[in-house]
Amino acid sequence: MEEEMDIRILEEREAAIRQLEDDITNVNDIFKDLACMVHEQGEVIDTIEGNIDVGAARVEAGTQELAKASRYQTSARKKIFFICLLLLVARGMFRGAADVSPSEKVTK
C-alpha cells in the first residue's frame, strides 16, 4: 500500500514535471516569436528612419530650389520692367520726331 502511494506520488510529480517542461517549451516558443517580431519591427523602423532622412534632404533641396526660382522671377520682372520702360521711351522719341513738321525741321 505504501509502495502504491509512493508510486502514485512519483507519477504525479513526473506529470507535474512534464507539464512544467511543456510550459517552459511554450514560453521559449513565445520568446522566439517575440524576438522575430522585434527584429522585423527594427527593420521597419530602420526603413522609416531612412525615408525620413531622404525626405528631409529633399525638403532642403526643394527649399533651395524655391529660393533660386524666386530670385529668377524677381530678375525677370526687373528685366521686363526695363524693357517696357525702354519701349515707352523709344515710342515717345519716335512720336516726338513724327510730330515735328518739315518746316519746323528746317528752321531748327
N, C-alpha and C. Protein backbone atom coordinates (compact mmCIF):
# COMPACT_ATOMS: atom_id res chain seq x y z
N MET A 1 0.81 -1.17 0.00
CA MET A 1 0.00 0.00 0.00
C MET A 1 0.87 1.26 0.00
N GLU A 2 1.86 1.23 0.83
CA GLU A 2 2.75 2.37 0.90
C GLU A 2 3.52 2.52 -0.41
N GLU A 3 3.86 1.41 -1.01
CA GLU A 3 4.57 1.46 -2.28
C GLU A 3 3.68 2.04 -3.37
N GLU A 4 2.41 1.69 -3.35
CA GLU A 4 1.47 2.23 -4.32
C GLU A 4 1.32 3.74 -4.15
N MET A 5 1.30 4.15 -2.88
CA MET A 5 1.20 5.59 -2.59
C MET A 5 2.45 6.31 -3.09
N ASP A 6 3.61 5.72 -2.87
CA ASP A 6 4.86 6.31 -3.34
C ASP A 6 4.90 6.37 -4.87
N ILE A 7 4.41 5.29 -5.49
CA ILE A 7 4.39 5.26 -6.95
C ILE A 7 3.44 6.33 -7.48
N ARG A 8 2.29 6.48 -6.85
CA ARG A 8 1.32 7.50 -7.26
C ARG A 8 1.91 8.89 -7.09
N ILE A 9 2.58 9.13 -5.98
CA ILE A 9 3.21 10.44 -5.75
C ILE A 9 4.28 10.69 -6.81
N LEU A 10 5.08 9.68 -7.10
CA LEU A 10 6.12 9.83 -8.12
C LEU A 10 5.49 10.10 -9.50
N GLU A 11 4.40 9.40 -9.81
CA GLU A 11 3.73 9.63 -11.09
C GLU A 11 3.16 11.04 -11.17
N GLU A 12 2.60 11.53 -10.06
CA GLU A 12 2.09 12.91 -10.03
C GLU A 12 3.21 13.92 -10.22
N ARG A 13 4.33 13.66 -9.56
CA ARG A 13 5.49 14.56 -9.71
C ARG A 13 6.01 14.53 -11.15
N GLU A 14 6.06 13.31 -11.72
CA GLU A 14 6.52 13.18 -13.09
C GLU A 14 5.57 13.92 -14.04
N ALA A 15 4.26 13.80 -13.81
CA ALA A 15 3.29 14.51 -14.64
C ALA A 15 3.45 16.02 -14.46
N ALA A 16 3.68 16.47 -13.24
CA ALA A 16 3.88 17.90 -12.99
C ALA A 16 5.15 18.39 -13.67
N ILE A 17 6.20 17.57 -13.62
CA ILE A 17 7.46 17.95 -14.27
C ILE A 17 7.26 18.02 -15.78
N ARG A 18 6.52 17.06 -16.35
CA ARG A 18 6.26 17.09 -17.80
C ARG A 18 5.42 18.32 -18.17
N GLN A 19 4.44 18.64 -17.34
CA GLN A 19 3.63 19.84 -17.59
C GLN A 19 4.50 21.09 -17.53
N LEU A 20 5.40 21.13 -16.54
CA LEU A 20 6.32 22.26 -16.41
C LEU A 20 7.23 22.34 -17.64
N GLU A 21 7.69 21.19 -18.11
CA GLU A 21 8.54 21.16 -19.31
C GLU A 21 7.77 21.69 -20.52
N ASP A 22 6.51 21.27 -20.67
CA ASP A 22 5.69 21.77 -21.77
C ASP A 22 5.48 23.28 -21.66
N ASP A 23 5.22 23.75 -20.44
CA ASP A 23 5.03 25.19 -20.24
C ASP A 23 6.30 25.96 -20.58
N ILE A 24 7.45 25.44 -20.16
CA ILE A 24 8.73 26.10 -20.46
C ILE A 24 8.97 26.11 -21.97
N THR A 25 8.64 25.01 -22.64
CA THR A 25 8.79 24.95 -24.10
C THR A 25 7.89 25.99 -24.77
N ASN A 26 6.66 26.12 -24.27
CA ASN A 26 5.74 27.13 -24.82
C ASN A 26 6.26 28.54 -24.59
N VAL A 27 6.79 28.81 -23.40
CA VAL A 27 7.35 30.13 -23.12
C VAL A 27 8.55 30.39 -24.03
N ASN A 28 9.37 29.38 -24.25
CA ASN A 28 10.52 29.51 -25.15
C ASN A 28 10.05 29.86 -26.56
N ASP A 29 9.02 29.18 -27.04
CA ASP A 29 8.48 29.48 -28.38
C ASP A 29 7.94 30.90 -28.45
N ILE A 30 7.28 31.33 -27.38
CA ILE A 30 6.75 32.69 -27.34
C ILE A 30 7.88 33.70 -27.42
N PHE A 31 8.97 33.46 -26.67
CA PHE A 31 10.10 34.39 -26.71
C PHE A 31 10.78 34.40 -28.08
N LYS A 32 10.85 33.24 -28.73
CA LYS A 32 11.42 33.19 -30.08
C LYS A 32 10.56 34.01 -31.04
N ASP A 33 9.24 33.83 -30.95
CA ASP A 33 8.34 34.61 -31.81
C ASP A 33 8.48 36.11 -31.53
N LEU A 34 8.57 36.45 -30.27
CA LEU A 34 8.73 37.85 -29.88
C LEU A 34 10.03 38.42 -30.42
N ALA A 35 11.11 37.63 -30.34
CA ALA A 35 12.40 38.09 -30.86
C ALA A 35 12.32 38.34 -32.37
N CYS A 36 11.62 37.46 -33.09
CA CYS A 36 11.45 37.65 -34.54
C CYS A 36 10.66 38.92 -34.83
N MET A 37 9.60 39.13 -34.05
CA MET A 37 8.78 40.32 -34.26
C MET A 37 9.57 41.59 -33.98
N VAL A 38 10.37 41.58 -32.92
CA VAL A 38 11.19 42.75 -32.59
C VAL A 38 12.20 43.01 -33.70
N HIS A 39 12.80 41.94 -34.22
CA HIS A 39 13.78 42.09 -35.31
C HIS A 39 13.11 42.68 -36.55
N GLU A 40 11.93 42.16 -36.90
CA GLU A 40 11.22 42.67 -38.08
C GLU A 40 10.82 44.12 -37.89
N GLN A 41 10.36 44.47 -36.70
CA GLN A 41 9.97 45.85 -36.44
C GLN A 41 11.19 46.77 -36.46
N GLY A 42 12.33 46.25 -36.04
CA GLY A 42 13.56 47.03 -36.11
C GLY A 42 13.90 47.38 -37.54
N GLU A 43 13.71 46.40 -38.45
CA GLU A 43 13.96 46.66 -39.86
C GLU A 43 12.98 47.70 -40.40
N VAL A 44 11.73 47.61 -39.98
CA VAL A 44 10.72 48.58 -40.42
C VAL A 44 11.09 49.97 -39.91
N ILE A 45 11.52 50.05 -38.66
CA ILE A 45 11.92 51.34 -38.09
C ILE A 45 13.12 51.90 -38.82
N ASP A 46 14.08 51.03 -39.17
CA ASP A 46 15.24 51.49 -39.94
C ASP A 46 14.80 52.03 -41.30
N THR A 47 13.84 51.36 -41.93
CA THR A 47 13.33 51.83 -43.22
C THR A 47 12.63 53.17 -43.08
N ILE A 48 11.83 53.30 -42.04
CA ILE A 48 11.13 54.57 -41.79
C ILE A 48 12.15 55.67 -41.55
N GLU A 49 13.17 55.38 -40.75
CA GLU A 49 14.19 56.38 -40.45
C GLU A 49 14.92 56.81 -41.72
N GLY A 50 15.23 55.83 -42.58
CA GLY A 50 15.87 56.15 -43.85
C GLY A 50 14.99 57.03 -44.72
N ASN A 51 13.69 56.71 -44.76
CA ASN A 51 12.76 57.52 -45.54
C ASN A 51 12.65 58.94 -44.99
N ILE A 52 12.70 59.07 -43.68
CA ILE A 52 12.65 60.41 -43.07
C ILE A 52 13.89 61.21 -43.47
N ASP A 53 15.06 60.55 -43.45
CA ASP A 53 16.29 61.25 -43.83
C ASP A 53 16.23 61.70 -45.29
N VAL A 54 15.75 60.81 -46.17
CA VAL A 54 15.63 61.16 -47.59
C VAL A 54 14.64 62.30 -47.77
N GLY A 55 13.52 62.22 -47.05
CA GLY A 55 12.50 63.28 -47.14
C GLY A 55 13.04 64.61 -46.68
N ALA A 56 13.81 64.60 -45.59
CA ALA A 56 14.38 65.86 -45.08
C ALA A 56 15.35 66.45 -46.09
N ALA A 57 16.16 65.61 -46.71
CA ALA A 57 17.11 66.10 -47.72
C ALA A 57 16.36 66.69 -48.92
N ARG A 58 15.27 66.03 -49.31
CA ARG A 58 14.50 66.54 -50.46
C ARG A 58 13.80 67.85 -50.12
N VAL A 59 13.33 67.98 -48.90
CA VAL A 59 12.71 69.24 -48.48
C VAL A 59 13.74 70.36 -48.51
N GLU A 60 14.94 70.08 -48.03
CA GLU A 60 16.01 71.09 -48.04
C GLU A 60 16.34 71.49 -49.48
N ALA A 61 16.47 70.50 -50.37
CA ALA A 61 16.76 70.80 -51.77
C ALA A 61 15.61 71.59 -52.40
N GLY A 62 14.38 71.24 -52.06
CA GLY A 62 13.23 71.96 -52.58
C GLY A 62 13.20 73.40 -52.11
N THR A 63 13.57 73.62 -50.85
CA THR A 63 13.63 74.98 -50.31
C THR A 63 14.65 75.81 -51.07
N GLN A 64 15.80 75.21 -51.35
CA GLN A 64 16.84 75.92 -52.10
C GLN A 64 16.36 76.22 -53.53
N GLU A 65 15.67 75.27 -54.14
CA GLU A 65 15.16 75.49 -55.50
C GLU A 65 14.11 76.60 -55.51
N LEU A 66 13.26 76.65 -54.48
CA LEU A 66 12.26 77.72 -54.41
C LEU A 66 12.92 79.09 -54.25
N ALA A 67 13.97 79.16 -53.44
CA ALA A 67 14.68 80.43 -53.28
C ALA A 67 15.31 80.85 -54.60
N LYS A 68 15.88 79.89 -55.31
CA LYS A 68 16.50 80.17 -56.61
C LYS A 68 15.44 80.64 -57.61
N ALA A 69 14.30 79.98 -57.63
CA ALA A 69 13.21 80.37 -58.54
C ALA A 69 12.70 81.76 -58.20
N SER A 70 12.65 82.10 -56.93
CA SER A 70 12.21 83.43 -56.52
C SER A 70 13.18 84.50 -57.03
N ARG A 71 14.48 84.22 -56.92
CA ARG A 71 15.48 85.18 -57.43
C ARG A 71 15.34 85.34 -58.95
N TYR A 72 15.16 84.24 -59.66
CA TYR A 72 14.98 84.31 -61.11
C TYR A 72 13.73 85.10 -61.48
N GLN A 73 12.66 84.89 -60.73
CA GLN A 73 11.41 85.60 -61.02
C GLN A 73 11.58 87.10 -60.78
N THR A 74 12.24 87.47 -59.70
CA THR A 74 12.49 88.88 -59.42
C THR A 74 13.35 89.50 -60.53
N SER A 75 14.38 88.78 -60.94
CA SER A 75 15.25 89.27 -62.01
C SER A 75 14.47 89.42 -63.32
N ALA A 76 13.61 88.46 -63.62
CA ALA A 76 12.82 88.54 -64.86
C ALA A 76 11.87 89.72 -64.82
N ARG A 77 11.26 89.98 -63.67
CA ARG A 77 10.35 91.13 -63.55
C ARG A 77 11.10 92.44 -63.78
N LYS A 78 12.30 92.54 -63.23
CA LYS A 78 13.09 93.76 -63.43
C LYS A 78 13.42 93.94 -64.90
N LYS A 79 13.81 92.87 -65.56
CA LYS A 79 14.15 92.95 -66.98
C LYS A 79 12.93 93.37 -67.81
N ILE A 80 11.79 92.77 -67.52
CA ILE A 80 10.57 93.13 -68.25
C ILE A 80 10.21 94.60 -68.01
N PHE A 81 10.37 95.06 -66.77
CA PHE A 81 10.08 96.46 -66.46
C PHE A 81 10.98 97.39 -67.27
N PHE A 82 12.29 97.11 -67.30
CA PHE A 82 13.21 97.97 -68.03
C PHE A 82 12.97 97.90 -69.54
N ILE A 83 12.61 96.75 -70.06
CA ILE A 83 12.30 96.64 -71.49
C ILE A 83 11.06 97.47 -71.82
N CYS A 84 10.03 97.38 -70.98
CA CYS A 84 8.82 98.18 -71.21
C CYS A 84 9.13 99.67 -71.12
N LEU A 85 9.95 100.04 -70.14
CA LEU A 85 10.34 101.44 -69.99
C LEU A 85 11.10 101.91 -71.22
N LEU A 86 12.02 101.09 -71.71
CA LEU A 86 12.79 101.43 -72.90
C LEU A 86 11.87 101.57 -74.12
N LEU A 87 10.90 100.68 -74.25
CA LEU A 87 9.95 100.77 -75.37
C LEU A 87 9.11 102.04 -75.28
N LEU A 88 8.70 102.40 -74.06
CA LEU A 88 7.93 103.63 -73.89
C LEU A 88 8.76 104.86 -74.26
N VAL A 89 10.01 104.86 -73.83
CA VAL A 89 10.89 105.99 -74.16
C VAL A 89 11.11 106.04 -75.67
N ALA A 90 11.35 104.90 -76.30
CA ALA A 90 11.56 104.87 -77.75
C ALA A 90 10.30 105.32 -78.48
N ARG A 91 9.16 104.88 -78.00
CA ARG A 91 7.89 105.29 -78.61
C ARG A 91 7.71 106.80 -78.49
N GLY A 92 8.03 107.33 -77.33
CA GLY A 92 7.92 108.77 -77.14
C GLY A 92 8.86 109.53 -78.05
N MET A 93 10.06 109.00 -78.25
CA MET A 93 11.02 109.67 -79.13
C MET A 93 10.53 109.65 -80.58
N PHE A 94 10.00 108.52 -81.02
CA PHE A 94 9.51 108.44 -82.40
C PHE A 94 8.27 109.30 -82.60
N ARG A 95 7.41 109.37 -81.61
CA ARG A 95 6.24 110.23 -81.72
C ARG A 95 6.66 111.69 -81.75
N GLY A 96 7.61 112.02 -80.92
CA GLY A 96 8.09 113.41 -80.89
C GLY A 96 8.72 113.79 -82.22
N ALA A 97 9.44 112.86 -82.82
CA ALA A 97 10.07 113.13 -84.12
C ALA A 97 9.02 113.19 -85.22
N ALA A 98 7.97 112.43 -85.09
CA ALA A 98 6.92 112.41 -86.12
C ALA A 98 6.04 113.64 -86.01
N ASP A 99 5.90 114.21 -84.82
CA ASP A 99 5.05 115.38 -84.63
C ASP A 99 5.68 116.65 -85.18
N VAL A 100 6.95 116.65 -85.36
CA VAL A 100 7.62 117.85 -85.87
C VAL A 100 7.35 117.95 -87.37
N SER A 101 6.84 119.12 -87.81
CA SER A 101 6.53 119.30 -89.23
C SER A 101 7.81 119.56 -90.00
N PRO A 102 7.80 119.35 -91.31
CA PRO A 102 9.01 119.55 -92.11
C PRO A 102 9.50 120.99 -92.04
N SER A 103 8.63 121.96 -91.91
CA SER A 103 9.08 123.35 -91.86
C SER A 103 9.78 123.62 -90.54
N GLU A 104 9.32 122.96 -89.47
CA GLU A 104 9.98 123.16 -88.18
C GLU A 104 11.36 122.54 -88.19
N LYS A 105 11.51 121.44 -88.95
CA LYS A 105 12.80 120.76 -89.00
C LYS A 105 13.83 121.66 -89.68
N VAL A 106 13.41 122.41 -90.70
CA VAL A 106 14.34 123.25 -91.43
C VAL A 106 14.78 124.42 -90.58
N THR A 107 13.86 125.00 -89.82
CA THR A 107 14.20 126.17 -89.04
C THR A 107 15.05 125.83 -87.83
N LYS A 108 14.97 124.67 -87.45
CA LYS A 108 15.74 124.29 -86.26
C LYS A 108 17.10 124.00 -86.62
